[in-house]
Amino acid sequence: MTTRIVRVGNTLTVEIPETLVTEAALPIGEPMEWVSDGKGRVALVKASTRSSTTPYREITVEELLEGVEDGASLGEYDWGPARGAEFW
């Protein structure tokens, strides 16, 4: 199927044919994500099913702090100079 990029106000949109939305079982309002391969190709995927090298999964605080002894100080991290409207 062929589609096109169109301007709606200050936004660029891509028209998705209704038959394709039906085939892909995409409900209106579904969170979607554009993924680029860096070679001029893009794919539109469900945000919740995007594959990556490190799949997202919820972890508990206990898992996050596993191996850190009770009362241990993790220290501070220098994020560099303030940028924008931050103040210290």
N, C-alpha and C. Protein backbone atom coordinates (compact mmCIF):
# COMPACT_ATOMS: atom_id res chain seq x y z
N MET A 1 0.84 -1.18 0.00
CA MET A 1 0.00 0.00 0.00
C MET A 1 0.88 1.24 0.00
N THR A 2 0.45 2.21 -0.70
CA THR A 2 1.18 3.47 -0.78
C THR A 2 0.44 4.51 0.04
N THR A 3 1.20 5.35 0.71
CA THR A 3 0.61 6.43 1.49
C THR A 3 1.45 7.67 1.27
N ARG A 4 1.16 8.71 2.00
CA ARG A 4 1.94 9.94 1.82
C ARG A 4 2.03 10.70 3.14
N ILE A 5 3.02 11.55 3.21
CA ILE A 5 3.18 12.44 4.35
C ILE A 5 2.43 13.72 4.03
N VAL A 6 1.57 14.16 4.94
CA VAL A 6 0.79 15.37 4.72
C VAL A 6 0.98 16.33 5.89
N ARG A 7 0.78 17.60 5.61
CA ARG A 7 0.88 18.62 6.65
C ARG A 7 -0.52 18.96 7.15
N VAL A 8 -0.68 18.91 8.48
CA VAL A 8 -1.94 19.30 9.12
C VAL A 8 -1.56 20.36 10.14
N GLY A 9 -1.78 21.62 9.80
CA GLY A 9 -1.34 22.70 10.67
C GLY A 9 0.18 22.73 10.72
N ASN A 10 0.75 22.65 11.92
CA ASN A 10 2.20 22.64 12.09
C ASN A 10 2.75 21.24 12.25
N THR A 11 1.95 20.22 11.97
CA THR A 11 2.35 18.84 12.18
C THR A 11 2.38 18.08 10.87
N LEU A 12 3.37 17.20 10.72
CA LEU A 12 3.41 16.29 9.58
C LEU A 12 2.79 14.98 10.03
N THR A 13 1.92 14.41 9.21
CA THR A 13 1.28 13.14 9.55
C THR A 13 1.42 12.18 8.38
N VAL A 14 1.22 10.90 8.67
CA VAL A 14 1.22 9.88 7.63
C VAL A 14 -0.16 9.26 7.62
N GLU A 15 -0.76 9.23 6.47
CA GLU A 15 -2.08 8.62 6.34
C GLU A 15 -1.92 7.11 6.32
N ILE A 16 -2.69 6.42 7.17
CA ILE A 16 -2.65 4.96 7.22
C ILE A 16 -3.99 4.46 6.68
N PRO A 17 -3.96 3.71 5.59
CA PRO A 17 -5.21 3.20 5.03
C PRO A 17 -5.97 2.37 6.06
N GLU A 18 -7.28 2.55 6.10
CA GLU A 18 -8.11 1.86 7.09
C GLU A 18 -8.01 0.34 6.96
N THR A 19 -7.85 -0.17 5.75
CA THR A 19 -7.71 -1.62 5.58
C THR A 19 -6.45 -2.14 6.27
N LEU A 20 -5.37 -1.35 6.23
CA LEU A 20 -4.13 -1.75 6.90
C LEU A 20 -4.29 -1.71 8.42
N VAL A 21 -4.99 -0.70 8.92
CA VAL A 21 -5.26 -0.61 10.36
C VAL A 21 -6.06 -1.83 10.80
N THR A 22 -7.03 -2.24 10.00
CA THR A 22 -7.84 -3.41 10.32
C THR A 22 -7.00 -4.68 10.28
N GLU A 23 -6.18 -4.85 9.23
CA GLU A 23 -5.32 -6.03 9.11
C GLU A 23 -4.37 -6.15 10.29
N ALA A 24 -3.81 -5.03 10.73
CA ALA A 24 -2.84 -5.04 11.82
C ALA A 24 -3.51 -5.00 13.19
N ALA A 25 -4.83 -4.94 13.22
CA ALA A 25 -5.60 -4.90 14.48
C ALA A 25 -5.12 -3.77 15.38
N LEU A 26 -5.02 -2.56 14.82
CA LEU A 26 -4.59 -1.39 15.58
C LEU A 26 -5.80 -0.57 16.01
N PRO A 27 -6.12 -0.59 17.30
CA PRO A 27 -7.24 0.24 17.73
C PRO A 27 -6.88 1.71 17.69
N ILE A 28 -7.83 2.56 17.39
CA ILE A 28 -7.59 4.00 17.35
C ILE A 28 -7.17 4.44 18.75
N GLY A 29 -6.14 5.25 18.83
CA GLY A 29 -5.62 5.71 20.12
C GLY A 29 -4.50 4.84 20.66
N GLU A 30 -4.16 3.76 19.96
CA GLU A 30 -3.09 2.86 20.39
C GLU A 30 -1.75 3.60 20.39
N PRO A 31 -0.96 3.51 21.47
CA PRO A 31 0.37 4.14 21.46
C PRO A 31 1.26 3.47 20.41
N MET A 32 1.83 4.27 19.54
CA MET A 32 2.68 3.74 18.47
C MET A 32 4.04 4.45 18.52
N GLU A 33 5.02 3.84 17.90
CA GLU A 33 6.36 4.40 17.90
C GLU A 33 6.98 4.24 16.51
N TRP A 34 7.58 5.32 16.03
CA TRP A 34 8.30 5.26 14.75
C TRP A 34 9.71 4.75 15.04
N VAL A 35 10.17 3.79 14.24
CA VAL A 35 11.51 3.23 14.38
C VAL A 35 12.21 3.37 13.04
N SER A 36 13.42 3.95 13.05
CA SER A 36 14.18 4.15 11.82
C SER A 36 15.38 3.22 11.80
N ASP A 37 15.72 2.71 10.61
CA ASP A 37 16.91 1.87 10.50
C ASP A 37 18.13 2.69 10.05
N GLY A 38 17.96 4.01 9.88
CA GLY A 38 19.07 4.87 9.48
C GLY A 38 19.38 4.81 8.00
N LYS A 39 18.60 4.07 7.25
CA LYS A 39 18.84 3.90 5.81
C LYS A 39 17.65 4.38 4.99
N GLY A 40 16.87 5.30 5.57
CA GLY A 40 15.72 5.83 4.85
C GLY A 40 14.47 5.02 4.99
N ARG A 41 14.47 4.02 5.88
CA ARG A 41 13.28 3.21 6.10
C ARG A 41 12.79 3.41 7.52
N VAL A 42 11.49 3.47 7.69
CA VAL A 42 10.89 3.59 9.02
C VAL A 42 9.80 2.53 9.16
N ALA A 43 9.55 2.16 10.39
CA ALA A 43 8.47 1.21 10.69
C ALA A 43 7.65 1.80 11.82
N LEU A 44 6.38 1.55 11.78
CA LEU A 44 5.47 1.98 12.83
C LEU A 44 5.11 0.74 13.63
N VAL A 45 5.48 0.73 14.92
CA VAL A 45 5.25 -0.45 15.75
C VAL A 45 4.50 -0.05 17.01
N LYS A 46 3.80 -1.00 17.58
CA LYS A 46 3.13 -0.75 18.85
C LYS A 46 4.20 -0.43 19.87
N ALA A 47 4.01 0.63 20.63
CA ALA A 47 5.01 1.05 21.60
C ALA A 47 5.26 -0.03 22.63
N SER A 48 4.25 -0.79 22.99
CA SER A 48 4.41 -1.81 24.02
C SER A 48 5.11 -3.06 23.52
N THR A 49 5.23 -3.25 22.20
CA THR A 49 5.83 -4.48 21.68
C THR A 49 7.12 -4.23 20.93
N ARG A 50 7.68 -3.03 21.05
CA ARG A 50 8.91 -2.73 20.33
C ARG A 50 10.03 -3.64 20.78
N SER A 51 10.69 -4.31 19.86
CA SER A 51 11.79 -5.19 20.23
C SER A 51 13.06 -4.36 20.36
N SER A 52 13.89 -4.76 21.28
CA SER A 52 15.17 -4.10 21.47
C SER A 52 16.16 -5.13 21.97
N THR A 53 17.42 -4.75 22.07
CA THR A 53 18.43 -5.68 22.55
C THR A 53 18.26 -5.97 24.03
N THR A 54 17.71 -5.03 24.79
CA THR A 54 17.45 -5.24 26.20
C THR A 54 15.96 -5.04 26.44
N PRO A 55 15.19 -6.10 26.40
CA PRO A 55 13.75 -5.91 26.57
C PRO A 55 13.42 -5.32 27.93
N TYR A 56 12.43 -4.45 27.95
CA TYR A 56 12.01 -3.79 29.18
C TYR A 56 11.22 -4.76 30.04
N ARG A 57 11.51 -4.79 31.31
CA ARG A 57 10.69 -5.51 32.26
C ARG A 57 10.73 -4.75 33.57
N GLU A 58 9.64 -4.78 34.30
CA GLU A 58 9.61 -4.09 35.58
C GLU A 58 10.45 -4.88 36.58
N ILE A 59 11.24 -4.15 37.38
CA ILE A 59 12.02 -4.80 38.42
C ILE A 59 11.65 -4.18 39.76
N THR A 60 11.86 -4.93 40.80
CA THR A 60 11.54 -4.44 42.14
C THR A 60 12.72 -3.67 42.69
N VAL A 61 12.48 -2.89 43.74
CA VAL A 61 13.56 -2.15 44.40
C VAL A 61 14.58 -3.14 44.95
N GLU A 62 14.10 -4.25 45.46
CA GLU A 62 15.00 -5.27 46.01
C GLU A 62 15.96 -5.78 44.94
N GLU A 63 15.44 -6.04 43.72
CA GLU A 63 16.30 -6.49 42.62
C GLU A 63 17.30 -5.41 42.23
N LEU A 64 16.83 -4.16 42.24
CA LEU A 64 17.68 -3.04 41.86
C LEU A 64 18.86 -2.90 42.83
N LEU A 65 18.60 -3.10 44.11
CA LEU A 65 19.64 -2.92 45.13
C LEU A 65 20.33 -4.21 45.52
N GLU A 66 20.09 -5.27 44.77
CA GLU A 66 20.72 -6.55 45.06
C GLU A 66 22.25 -6.41 45.02
N GLY A 67 22.90 -6.88 46.05
CA GLY A 67 24.35 -6.80 46.12
C GLY A 67 24.87 -5.56 46.82
N VAL A 68 24.00 -4.60 47.13
CA VAL A 68 24.39 -3.40 47.86
C VAL A 68 24.14 -3.67 49.34
N GLU A 69 25.17 -3.55 50.14
CA GLU A 69 25.03 -3.84 51.57
C GLU A 69 24.17 -2.78 52.25
N ASP A 70 23.44 -3.20 53.30
CA ASP A 70 22.60 -2.28 54.07
C ASP A 70 23.45 -1.14 54.62
N GLY A 71 22.97 0.08 54.48
CA GLY A 71 23.67 1.25 55.00
C GLY A 71 24.81 1.74 54.12
N ALA A 72 25.09 1.05 53.02
CA ALA A 72 26.18 1.46 52.14
C ALA A 72 25.81 2.76 51.42
N SER A 73 26.78 3.66 51.32
CA SER A 73 26.56 4.90 50.60
C SER A 73 26.97 4.71 49.15
N LEU A 74 26.09 5.06 48.25
CA LEU A 74 26.41 4.93 46.83
C LEU A 74 27.14 6.15 46.31
N GLY A 75 27.33 7.17 47.15
CA GLY A 75 28.06 8.36 46.76
C GLY A 75 27.24 9.29 45.89
N GLU A 76 27.92 10.29 45.38
CA GLU A 76 27.28 11.28 44.52
C GLU A 76 27.81 11.12 43.11
N TYR A 77 27.05 11.63 42.17
CA TYR A 77 27.47 11.59 40.77
C TYR A 77 27.48 13.01 40.24
N ASP A 78 28.57 13.40 39.61
CA ASP A 78 28.68 14.74 39.03
C ASP A 78 28.09 14.70 37.62
N TRP A 79 26.94 15.35 37.45
CA TRP A 79 26.26 15.38 36.16
C TRP A 79 26.78 16.52 35.28
N GLY A 80 27.78 17.27 35.78
CA GLY A 80 28.33 18.37 34.99
C GLY A 80 27.66 19.68 35.34
N PRO A 81 28.05 20.74 34.65
CA PRO A 81 27.49 22.06 34.94
C PRO A 81 26.01 22.13 34.59
N ALA A 82 25.33 23.03 35.30
CA ALA A 82 23.90 23.21 35.05
C ALA A 82 23.69 23.76 33.64
N ARG A 83 22.61 23.29 33.00
CA ARG A 83 22.24 23.79 31.67
C ARG A 83 20.77 24.19 31.74
N GLY A 84 20.42 25.21 31.06
CA GLY A 84 19.02 25.62 31.05
C GLY A 84 18.65 26.39 32.29
N ALA A 85 17.50 26.06 32.88
CA ALA A 85 16.98 26.82 34.01
C ALA A 85 17.27 26.19 35.35
N GLU A 86 18.18 25.17 35.41
CA GLU A 86 18.47 24.55 36.69
C GLU A 86 19.18 25.53 37.61
N PHE A 87 19.02 25.33 38.88
CA PHE A 87 19.79 26.09 39.86
C PHE A 87 20.12 25.15 41.00
N TRP A 88 21.23 25.44 41.70
CA TRP A 88 21.70 24.58 42.79
C TRP A 88 21.71 25.33 44.07
